[in-house]
Protein backbone atom coordinates (compact mmCIF):
# COMPACT_ATOMS: atom_id res chain seq x y z
CA UNK A 1 -25.36 5.15 21.07
CA UNK A 2 -25.52 7.14 17.85
CA UNK A 3 -29.06 7.62 16.57
CA UNK A 4 -29.79 9.15 13.21
CA UNK A 5 -33.32 9.94 14.34
CA UNK A 6 -31.91 12.87 16.30
CA UNK A 7 -31.59 14.98 13.19
CA UNK A 8 -32.73 18.58 13.55
CA UNK A 9 -36.55 18.88 13.45
CA UNK A 10 -36.57 20.93 10.25
CA UNK A 11 -36.05 17.72 8.28
CA UNK A 12 -39.26 15.73 8.36
CA UNK A 13 -38.07 12.44 6.92
CA UNK A 14 -35.82 10.53 9.31
CA UNK A 15 -32.54 9.27 7.83
CA UNK A 16 -31.78 5.63 7.44
CA UNK A 17 -30.98 4.07 10.82
CA UNK A 18 -27.45 2.93 11.48
CA UNK A 19 -27.25 -0.82 11.51
CA UNK A 20 -25.37 -2.94 14.00
CA UNK A 21 -21.61 -2.66 13.79
CA UNK A 22 -19.95 -5.14 11.49
CA UNK A 23 -17.65 -7.71 12.99
CA UNK A 24 -15.39 -7.54 9.96
CA UNK A 25 -12.62 -4.98 9.82
CA UNK A 26 -13.32 -2.34 7.21
CA UNK A 27 -10.77 -0.83 4.84
CA UNK A 28 -9.78 2.80 5.04
CA UNK A 29 -7.82 4.69 2.43
CA UNK A 30 -4.22 5.39 3.32
CA UNK A 31 -3.34 8.92 4.27
CA UNK A 32 -0.99 11.16 2.30
CA UNK A 33 2.19 9.49 3.48
CA UNK A 34 4.91 11.91 2.51
CA UNK A 35 5.84 15.51 3.21
CA UNK A 36 5.26 18.01 0.43
CA UNK A 37 7.64 20.96 0.44
CA UNK A 38 7.87 24.10 -1.68
CA UNK A 39 11.53 24.88 -2.21
CA UNK A 40 13.20 28.16 -3.05
CA UNK A 41 14.89 28.97 -6.35
CA UNK A 42 18.16 27.40 -5.27
CA UNK A 43 16.58 24.07 -6.23
CA UNK A 44 14.63 25.45 -9.14
CA UNK A 45 11.50 26.07 -7.05
CA UNK A 46 10.65 22.39 -7.25
CA UNK A 47 8.97 20.14 -4.70
CA UNK A 48 10.69 17.34 -2.81
CA UNK A 49 8.79 14.43 -1.31
CA UNK A 50 10.08 12.71 1.81
CA UNK A 51 8.67 9.27 2.44
CA UNK A 52 7.01 8.76 5.81
CA UNK A 53 5.47 5.37 6.67
CA UNK A 54 1.66 5.46 6.54
CA UNK A 55 -1.00 3.65 8.56
CA UNK A 56 -1.15 -0.07 7.86
CA UNK A 57 -3.58 -1.54 5.36
CA UNK A 58 -6.82 -3.22 6.38
CA UNK A 59 -7.75 -6.89 6.51
CA UNK A 60 -7.39 -8.23 2.93
CA UNK A 61 -10.22 -10.73 3.50
CA UNK A 62 -12.87 -7.98 3.67
CA UNK A 63 -12.99 -7.50 -0.11
CA UNK A 64 -16.76 -7.08 -0.43
CA UNK A 65 -16.87 -4.62 2.45
CA UNK A 66 -14.03 -2.68 0.88
CA UNK A 67 -15.91 -2.31 -2.41
CA UNK A 68 -19.05 -1.17 -0.58
CA UNK A 69 -17.12 1.25 1.58
CA UNK A 70 -15.18 2.73 -1.34
CA UNK A 71 -18.39 3.09 -3.36
CA UNK A 72 -20.04 4.98 -0.48
CA UNK A 73 -17.01 7.22 -0.06
CA UNK A 74 -16.86 7.96 -3.81
CA UNK A 75 -20.54 8.99 -3.87
CA UNK A 76 -20.13 11.26 -0.86
CA UNK A 77 -16.98 12.90 -2.27
CA UNK A 78 -18.75 13.46 -5.60
CA UNK A 79 -21.78 15.04 -3.89
CA UNK A 80 -19.55 17.28 -1.79
CA UNK A 81 -17.64 18.45 -4.86
CA UNK A 82 -20.68 20.18 -6.38
CA UNK A 83 -23.68 20.92 -4.15
CA UNK A 84 -26.63 22.02 -6.29
CA UNK A 85 -29.34 22.70 -3.70
CA UNK A 86 -29.67 23.75 -0.09
CA UNK A 87 -32.41 24.68 2.37
CA UNK A 88 -32.82 26.68 5.54
CA UNK A 89 -35.27 28.64 7.66
CA UNK A 90 -36.21 32.29 8.13
CA UNK A 91 -36.94 33.01 11.81
CA UNK A 92 -40.16 34.91 12.46
CA UNK A 93 -40.68 36.45 15.89
CA UNK A 94 -44.38 36.91 15.17
CA UNK A 95 -45.77 34.59 12.44
CA UNK A 96 -49.07 36.47 12.48
CA UNK A 97 -47.30 39.64 11.32
CA UNK A 98 -46.82 38.13 7.83
CA UNK A 99 -49.35 39.46 5.32
CA UNK A 100 -49.72 39.12 1.54
CA UNK A 101 -51.33 41.96 -0.46
CA UNK A 102 -52.64 41.36 -3.98
CA UNK A 103 -55.06 42.84 -6.49
CA UNK A 104 -57.73 40.73 -8.18
CA UNK A 105 -58.84 40.96 -11.81
CA UNK A 106 -61.63 43.33 -10.76
CA UNK A 107 -59.06 45.83 -9.45
CA UNK A 108 -59.90 45.32 -5.78
CA UNK A 109 -56.95 44.99 -3.36
CA UNK A 110 -57.07 42.12 -0.87
CA UNK A 111 -54.89 41.10 2.07
CA UNK A 112 -54.16 37.55 3.15
CA UNK A 113 -53.07 37.06 6.75
CA UNK A 114 -50.96 34.09 7.89
CA UNK A 115 -50.76 31.43 9.23
CA UNK A 116 -53.59 29.52 7.50
CA UNK A 117 -54.94 26.00 8.08
CA UNK A 118 -57.49 25.32 5.33
CA UNK A 119 -58.76 22.19 7.11
CA UNK A 120 -60.03 24.41 9.92
CA UNK A 121 -60.94 27.61 8.12
CA UNK A 122 -60.37 28.91 4.59
CA UNK A 123 -60.23 32.72 4.49
CA UNK A 124 -62.22 34.28 1.60
CA UNK A 125 -59.07 36.10 0.43
CA UNK A 126 -57.43 32.74 -0.32
CA UNK A 127 -60.35 31.74 -2.56
CA UNK A 128 -60.02 35.08 -4.37
CA UNK A 129 -56.28 34.51 -4.81
CA UNK A 130 -56.81 31.03 -6.26
CA UNK A 131 -59.50 32.33 -8.61
CA UNK A 132 -57.12 35.01 -9.91
CA UNK A 133 -54.33 32.51 -10.66
CA UNK A 134 -53.58 30.83 -13.97
CA UNK A 135 -52.57 27.20 -14.52
CA UNK A 136 -49.01 26.17 -15.29
CA UNK A 137 -48.36 24.23 -18.44
CA UNK A 138 -49.60 20.74 -17.59
CA UNK A 139 -47.95 17.39 -18.18
CA UNK A 140 -48.91 15.35 -21.21
CA UNK A 141 -51.27 13.12 -19.22
CA UNK A 142 -52.74 15.85 -17.00
CA UNK A 143 -56.08 16.79 -18.50
CA UNK A 144 -57.93 17.54 -15.27
CA UNK A 145 -58.10 21.01 -13.77
CA UNK A 146 -57.94 19.73 -10.19
CA UNK A 147 -54.43 18.41 -10.86
CA UNK A 148 -53.00 21.68 -12.13
CA UNK A 149 -50.62 23.94 -10.27
CA UNK A 150 -51.28 27.67 -10.44
CA UNK A 151 -49.34 30.92 -10.54
CA UNK A 152 -50.42 34.47 -9.89
CA UNK A 153 -50.38 36.57 -13.10
CA UNK A 154 -47.27 38.73 -13.33
CA UNK A 155 -49.41 41.57 -14.70
CA UNK A 156 -51.21 41.95 -11.35
CA UNK A 157 -49.45 43.57 -8.36
CA UNK A 158 -48.58 41.41 -5.37
CA UNK A 159 -46.36 42.07 -2.37
CA UNK A 160 -45.66 40.61 1.05
CA UNK A 161 -44.42 42.02 4.34
CA UNK A 162 -41.57 39.48 4.09
CA UNK A 163 -38.38 41.26 3.03
CA UNK A 164 -35.75 38.81 1.82
CA UNK A 165 -32.94 41.36 2.20
CA UNK A 166 -33.49 41.39 5.98
CA UNK A 167 -32.27 37.80 6.25
CA UNK A 168 -28.79 36.44 5.36
CA UNK A 169 -30.12 33.95 2.81
CA UNK A 170 -27.91 35.19 -0.04
CA UNK A 171 -24.84 34.92 2.20
CA UNK A 172 -25.74 31.31 2.94
CA UNK A 173 -26.26 30.57 -0.77
CA UNK A 174 -22.99 32.23 -1.70
CA UNK A 175 -20.93 30.27 0.86
CA UNK A 176 -22.54 26.92 -0.04
CA UNK A 177 -23.44 26.93 -3.74
CA UNK A 178 -20.90 29.52 -4.91
CA UNK A 179 -17.85 29.15 -2.64
CA UNK A 180 -15.42 30.25 -5.37
CA UNK A 181 -17.27 33.41 -6.39
CA UNK A 182 -14.71 36.10 -7.11
CA UNK A 183 -14.49 39.33 -5.14
CA UNK A 184 -16.56 42.06 -6.78
CA UNK A 185 -19.33 39.70 -7.88
CA UNK A 186 -22.60 39.87 -5.98
CA UNK A 187 -25.80 37.83 -5.74
CA UNK A 188 -29.07 39.73 -6.11
CA UNK A 189 -32.54 38.23 -5.52
CA UNK A 190 -35.54 39.45 -7.53
CA UNK A 191 -39.07 38.23 -6.79
CA UNK A 192 -40.38 36.00 -9.57
CA UNK A 193 -43.69 34.20 -9.01
CA UNK A 194 -46.34 33.51 -6.41
CA UNK A 195 -47.38 29.87 -6.92
CA UNK A 196 -50.35 27.96 -5.50
CA UNK A 197 -51.02 24.20 -5.60
CA UNK A 198 -54.42 23.19 -4.14
CA UNK A 199 -55.45 19.75 -2.89
CA UNK A 200 -54.89 17.05 -5.52
CA UNK A 201 -52.61 19.24 -7.61
CA UNK A 202 -48.94 18.92 -8.38
CA UNK A 203 -46.36 20.82 -10.39
CA UNK A 204 -44.95 19.09 -13.44
CA UNK A 205 -41.19 19.33 -14.04
CA UNK A 206 -40.16 22.90 -14.72
CA UNK A 207 -37.32 22.58 -17.18
CA UNK A 208 -34.19 24.65 -17.06
CA UNK A 209 -34.15 27.41 -19.65
CA UNK A 210 -30.80 28.63 -20.91
CA UNK A 211 -30.78 32.43 -20.86
CA UNK A 212 -27.90 34.83 -20.95
CA UNK A 213 -29.40 37.04 -18.24
CA UNK A 214 -27.01 36.23 -15.39
CA UNK A 215 -29.48 34.05 -13.47
CA UNK A 216 -27.56 31.56 -11.37
CA UNK A 217 -30.07 30.15 -8.86
CA UNK A 218 -33.68 30.09 -7.66
CA UNK A 219 -35.03 30.57 -4.12
CA UNK A 220 -38.41 29.14 -3.13
CA UNK A 221 -39.96 30.38 0.15
CA UNK A 222 -42.87 28.32 1.53
CA UNK A 223 -45.54 30.53 3.11
CA UNK A 224 -47.33 29.26 6.27
CA UNK A 225 -50.39 27.61 4.69
CA UNK A 226 -50.83 24.03 5.95
CA UNK A 227 -50.63 21.13 3.49
CA UNK A 228 -49.67 17.47 3.33
CA UNK A 229 -47.52 15.85 0.67
CA UNK A 230 -46.06 18.16 -1.96
CA UNK A 231 -42.35 17.36 -1.65
CA UNK A 232 -40.07 19.58 -3.74
CA UNK A 233 -37.93 17.47 -6.11
CA UNK A 234 -34.79 18.97 -7.68
CA UNK A 235 -32.62 17.34 -10.37
CA UNK A 236 -29.26 18.64 -11.48
CA UNK A 237 -27.73 18.51 -14.96
CA UNK A 238 -26.28 15.04 -14.33
CA UNK A 239 -29.59 13.57 -13.14
CA UNK A 240 -28.80 13.58 -9.41
CA UNK A 241 -31.95 14.11 -7.34
CA UNK A 242 -32.59 15.96 -4.08
CA UNK A 243 -36.00 15.82 -2.36
CA UNK A 244 -37.20 18.31 0.28
CA UNK A 245 -40.27 17.19 2.23
CA UNK A 246 -40.49 20.31 4.37
CA UNK A 247 -42.76 21.01 7.33
CA UNK A 248 -46.01 21.32 5.39
CA UNK A 249 -46.41 25.07 5.84
CA UNK A 250 -46.61 24.91 9.64
CA UNK A 251 -46.58 28.24 11.47
CA UNK A 252 -43.30 29.45 12.87
CA UNK A 253 -40.06 29.79 10.94
CA UNK A 254 -40.43 30.04 7.16
CA UNK A 255 -38.72 27.39 5.06
CA UNK A 256 -36.69 28.23 2.00
CA UNK A 257 -34.93 26.12 -0.60
CA UNK A 258 -32.38 27.29 -3.17
CA UNK A 259 -31.02 25.46 -6.21
CA UNK A 260 -28.78 26.22 -9.17
CA UNK A 261 -30.25 27.62 -12.37
CA UNK A 262 -29.31 24.55 -14.40
CA UNK A 263 -31.62 22.33 -12.32
CA UNK A 264 -35.12 21.07 -13.07
CA UNK A 265 -37.69 21.05 -10.29
CA UNK A 266 -41.19 19.75 -9.64
CA UNK A 267 -43.65 19.39 -6.76
CA UNK A 268 -45.31 16.10 -5.88
CA UNK A 269 -49.06 15.77 -5.32
CA UNK A 270 -50.68 17.75 -2.50
CA UNK A 271 -52.80 15.31 -0.50
CA UNK A 272 -54.49 17.89 1.74
CA UNK A 273 -54.39 21.62 2.16
CA UNK A 274 -52.79 24.16 -0.15
CA UNK A 275 -49.12 24.85 -0.93
CA UNK A 276 -48.35 28.56 -1.39
CA UNK A 277 -44.81 29.64 -2.28
CA UNK A 278 -42.98 32.78 -3.33
CA UNK A 279 -40.04 32.24 -5.70
CA UNK A 280 -37.09 34.54 -6.36
CA UNK A 281 -34.57 34.56 -9.18
CA UNK A 282 -30.95 34.97 -8.07
CA UNK A 283 -28.72 36.91 -10.46
CA UNK A 284 -24.98 37.41 -10.54
CA UNK A 285 -24.05 41.06 -10.83
CA UNK A 286 -20.75 42.90 -10.95
CA UNK A 287 -19.56 46.48 -11.24
CA UNK A 288 -17.82 45.54 -14.49
CA UNK A 289 -19.34 45.83 -17.98
CA UNK A 290 -20.20 42.11 -18.23
CA UNK A 291 -21.90 39.48 -16.08
CA UNK A 292 -19.83 36.33 -15.54
CA UNK A 293 -20.94 32.90 -14.66
CA UNK A 294 -22.15 29.83 9.52
CA UNK A 295 -24.98 29.47 13.90
CA UNK A 296 -25.82 27.39 10.79
CA UNK A 297 -27.79 29.11 8.05
CA UNK A 298 -28.15 26.14 5.69
CA UNK A 299 -29.17 22.52 5.95
CA UNK A 300 -27.93 19.64 3.78
CA UNK A 301 -30.42 17.72 1.70
CA UNK A 302 -31.77 14.30 2.66
CA UNK A 303 -29.79 12.75 -0.19
CA UNK A 304 -26.51 14.14 1.12
CA UNK A 305 -27.29 12.90 4.64
CA UNK A 306 -28.20 9.47 3.26
CA UNK A 307 -24.83 9.27 1.50
CA UNK A 308 -23.11 9.69 4.86
CA UNK A 309 -25.24 7.04 6.60
CA UNK A 310 -23.52 3.88 5.24
CA UNK A 311 -20.09 5.33 6.01
CA UNK A 312 -21.11 5.97 9.60
CA UNK A 313 -22.65 2.50 9.77
CA UNK A 314 -19.33 0.92 8.86
CA UNK A 315 -17.27 3.24 11.05
CA UNK A 316 -18.75 2.50 14.48
CA UNK A 317 -16.20 2.72 17.25
CA UNK A 318 -13.68 4.43 14.97
CA UNK A 319 -12.34 7.92 14.59
CA UNK A 320 -12.55 8.86 10.92
CA UNK A 321 -11.24 11.92 9.11
CA UNK A 322 -11.93 13.69 5.81
CA UNK A 323 -9.50 16.03 4.04
CA UNK A 324 -10.89 19.52 3.52
CA UNK A 325 -10.87 20.75 -0.07
CA UNK A 326 -11.37 24.53 0.11
CA UNK A 327 -8.74 27.25 -0.12
CA UNK A 328 -8.90 29.21 3.15
CA UNK A 329 -5.54 31.07 3.21
CA UNK A 330 -5.09 30.62 6.96
CA UNK A 331 -1.55 30.05 8.21
CA UNK A 332 -1.31 26.83 10.26
CA UNK A 333 1.64 28.43 12.07
CA UNK A 334 -0.60 31.25 13.38
CA UNK A 335 -4.06 29.75 14.03
CA UNK A 336 -5.58 26.48 15.17
CA UNK A 337 -7.33 24.42 12.53
CA UNK A 338 -10.59 24.91 14.47
CA UNK A 339 -10.41 28.56 13.45
CA UNK A 340 -11.59 27.49 10.00
CA UNK A 341 -15.02 26.30 11.24
CA UNK A 342 -16.97 29.55 10.68
CA UNK A 343 -15.19 29.99 7.32
CA UNK A 344 -15.96 26.55 5.86
CA UNK A 345 -17.52 26.75 2.42
CA UNK A 346 -18.91 24.55 -0.31
CA UNK A 347 -18.82 20.82 0.32
CA UNK A 348 -16.67 21.26 3.44
CA UNK A 349 -19.48 23.24 5.10
CA UNK A 350 -22.09 20.66 4.05
CA UNK A 351 -20.04 17.78 5.44
CA UNK A 352 -19.32 19.55 8.75
CA UNK A 353 -22.94 20.52 9.38
CA UNK A 354 -24.18 17.08 8.29
CA UNK A 355 -22.06 15.45 10.98
CA UNK A 356 -23.42 17.96 13.50
CA UNK A 357 -26.98 17.00 12.52
CA UNK A 358 -26.14 13.40 13.40
CA UNK A 359 -25.20 14.68 16.87
CA UNK A 360 -21.50 13.97 16.32
CA UNK A 361 -18.67 16.27 17.40
CA UNK A 362 -16.41 17.03 14.42
CA UNK A 363 -13.13 18.85 14.97
CA UNK A 364 -10.47 20.22 12.63
CA UNK A 365 -6.77 19.38 12.79
CA UNK A 366 -3.69 20.19 10.76
CA UNK A 367 -1.92 17.28 9.02
CA UNK A 368 1.14 16.76 6.82
CA UNK A 369 3.18 13.84 5.55
CA UNK A 370 1.56 11.10 7.62
CA UNK A 371 1.52 13.25 10.78
CA UNK A 372 -1.39 14.96 12.52
CA UNK A 373 -1.33 17.77 15.09
CA UNK A 374 -3.58 17.70 18.19
CA UNK A 375 -6.68 19.86 17.97
CA UNK A 376 -5.13 22.43 20.33
CA UNK A 377 -1.77 22.72 18.52
CA UNK A 378 -0.60 24.88 15.64
CA UNK A 379 2.12 23.91 13.18
CA UNK A 380 4.70 25.94 15.07
CA UNK A 381 8.26 24.96 14.25
CA UNK A 382 9.66 27.72 16.50
CA UNK A 383 12.87 27.89 14.50
CA UNK A 384 15.67 30.14 15.63
CA UNK A 385 14.92 32.33 12.65
CA UNK A 386 11.20 32.85 12.20
CA UNK A 387 9.34 33.82 9.06
CA UNK A 388 9.50 37.52 9.94
CA UNK A 389 13.24 37.48 10.19
CA UNK A 390 13.36 37.88 13.95
CA UNK A 391 15.58 35.84 16.28
CA UNK A 392 13.90 34.07 19.19
CA UNK A 393 15.14 34.44 22.73
CA UNK A 394 17.32 31.52 23.96
CA UNK A 395 15.29 31.38 27.16
CA UNK A 396 11.87 31.30 25.46
CA UNK A 397 9.43 28.44 25.86
CA UNK A 398 10.11 27.51 22.24
CA UNK A 399 13.82 27.15 22.96
CA UNK A 400 13.11 24.99 26.00
CA UNK A 401 10.84 22.75 23.90
CA UNK A 402 13.57 22.43 21.29
CA UNK A 403 16.07 21.44 23.92
CA UNK A 404 13.74 18.82 25.38
CA UNK A 405 12.92 17.50 21.90
CA UNK A 406 16.63 17.23 21.10
CA UNK A 407 16.98 14.89 24.08
CA UNK A 408 14.09 12.73 22.85
CA UNK A 409 15.29 12.73 19.26
CA UNK A 410 19.11 12.57 19.32
CA UNK A 411 20.95 13.95 16.32
CA UNK A 412 22.44 11.24 14.05
CA UNK A 413 26.13 11.02 13.32
CA UNK A 414 27.24 13.89 11.11
CA UNK A 415 30.28 14.77 9.05
CA UNK A 416 30.65 18.33 7.87
CA UNK A 417 27.03 19.11 8.72
CA UNK A 418 25.60 16.14 6.82
CA UNK A 419 24.19 12.83 8.00
CA UNK A 420 26.65 10.01 7.38
CA UNK A 421 25.67 7.01 5.33
CA UNK A 422 27.42 4.26 7.31
CA UNK A 423 27.38 1.92 4.32
CA UNK A 424 29.06 4.25 1.83
CA UNK A 425 30.66 6.67 4.26
CA UNK A 426 29.30 9.61 2.22
CA UNK A 427 26.83 12.27 3.40
CA UNK A 428 23.29 12.17 2.03
CA UNK A 429 21.94 15.77 1.89
CA UNK A 430 18.37 14.84 0.92
CA UNK A 431 18.07 12.22 3.67
CA UNK A 432 19.57 14.71 6.11
CA UNK A 433 16.94 17.35 5.26
CA UNK A 434 14.17 14.75 5.45
CA UNK A 435 15.29 13.72 8.94
CA UNK A 436 15.59 17.35 10.03
CA UNK A 437 12.11 18.16 8.78
CA UNK A 438 10.68 15.08 10.47
CA UNK A 439 12.35 16.12 13.73
CA UNK A 440 10.88 19.62 13.50
CA UNK A 441 7.40 18.23 12.85
CA UNK A 442 7.63 15.93 15.87
CA UNK A 443 9.03 18.72 18.06
CA UNK A 444 6.05 20.90 17.13
CA UNK A 445 3.71 18.33 18.70
CA UNK A 446 2.65 16.32 15.64
CA UNK A 447 1.92 12.60 16.05
CA UNK A 448 2.35 9.95 13.35
CA UNK A 449 -1.04 8.84 12.07
CA UNK A 450 0.15 5.25 12.48
CA UNK A 451 0.24 5.87 16.25
CA UNK A 452 -3.30 7.26 16.40
CA UNK A 453 -6.71 5.65 15.91
CA UNK A 454 -7.59 8.08 13.09
CA UNK A 455 -8.63 6.50 9.78
CA UNK A 456 -8.56 8.71 6.69
CA UNK A 457 -11.71 8.51 4.55
CA UNK A 458 -10.94 9.41 0.95
CA UNK A 459 -11.73 8.27 -2.56
CA UNK A 460 -8.67 6.39 -3.77
CA UNK A 461 -9.35 7.61 -7.32
CA UNK A 462 -9.65 11.29 -6.33
CA UNK A 463 -6.87 13.64 -7.44
CA UNK A 464 -4.38 14.44 -4.71
CA UNK A 465 -4.38 18.14 -5.59
CA UNK A 466 -8.03 18.57 -4.62
CA UNK A 467 -7.31 18.76 -0.87
CA UNK A 468 -6.69 21.94 1.13
CA UNK A 469 -3.08 23.08 0.96
CA UNK A 470 -1.79 25.73 3.34
CA UNK A 471 1.85 26.67 3.72
CA UNK A 472 4.14 27.03 6.72
CA UNK A 473 7.55 28.68 6.15
CA UNK A 474 10.64 27.27 7.84
CA UNK A 475 14.38 27.69 7.57
CA UNK A 476 15.96 24.71 5.82
CA UNK A 477 19.39 23.30 6.60
CA UNK A 478 20.78 25.07 3.55
CA UNK A 479 19.81 28.47 4.91
CA UNK A 480 16.82 29.11 2.62
CA UNK A 481 13.20 29.77 3.54
CA UNK A 482 11.16 26.78 2.33
CA UNK A 483 7.47 26.02 2.87
CA UNK A 484 5.87 22.87 4.23
CA UNK A 485 2.52 22.00 2.62
CA UNK A 486 -0.07 21.38 5.36
CA UNK A 487 -3.53 19.85 4.89
CA UNK A 488 -6.62 20.22 7.08
CA UNK A 489 -8.49 17.20 8.44
CA UNK A 490 -12.10 17.05 9.60
CA UNK A 491 -11.91 14.44 12.39
CA UNK A 492 -14.90 12.83 14.09
CA UNK A 493 -15.43 9.87 16.41
CA UNK A 494 -18.39 7.60 15.55
CA UNK A 495 -19.67 5.87 18.71
């Protein structure tokens, strides 16, 4: 039985429980039901599409369920297209080794040792730190000092034994929030502010400020000072909201949250304790004269996980699949699709790790033209003339598989090398190539999606070109080297 309460303990708020499976059949979007081929210049370097029957449509009586399902899919696809925040943890072997050094207004240097539980004991250095801080700009209705959030003056020195560069946080941010960052561009983190919110306080929305300084994101690290409440709320430019409840400054691994520079953020009211955070500005730097705009290191937000929940609810007992959207430049003829797992980026990485958090077992498979390859098979056509120009041995395993496949898929009647149209008596070159390509795909181990229990989950309004497209060269019947377009599927069974 799938239970969403088994999410990793770093997320404090449990996701919505999966309801009982529906007795009504649910609709699933049809898969890409035709081969896509890149042709050589002999045909003007154009693409030919060969029709392959797709999986049958769902029960037409489930109209309301179809609308709900498609709405859920559209929201998930939209969220995956542009992640704007992410969180993770910094492992600390010895939490007590973390110390904060600061200088008060009187010029005296103090040290603050962690972890701290203010309900048990408040160290004098924390009172000195709070006294040295200044209030943030308050909201219009906040006229009481006990509701203000504070920040340590930038004119006074402050440092911590925590060194951000010793942890791969920037790598995690780059792979998730900036998956298309060009080679030669680098993310650099610079410490910004030490912020303190005591009991009863909260931070009003901190608005995005447009600056041409190359800032692309913000990192907020929560120091181990116990508190209750104080969820971090982040809103992107379109008004979408992510909320991070966190662990309340418990000792152990440090929590961090990163979000894009065009986001607003605020902190809800602290009910007990004191929230102490260190923020860093993330800048994009390059060696040029100008600045232009996976163990798992990141965790999806609660909102992203909640978008998946209704889809899983309505997919009980089914094997569902999502098309990947990134450009990974792996040859399906040389590696298994599972090889992409540690290289997933952007929304693909979020979706994969979200399914893992729900204790599911996602796997990657190659797919093309209504066919899908088993998880342990590559798209290996094993043609007599391979992509490197080398001839294969007649006694090789590939040759034996071709011979066996030829028995299973007998060659149609031919005249002069072309398939005969028995109605007109004339050869049909395009139909002949389509049949030959289909035969090669089946010989390589691919199975028609219509013969599997895999249901493709996709937004019917999404553009077809947004899916992953890798290329596998093969020798066509005309003697030219063409390329079959292959997609990648993220497949998972929902019990």
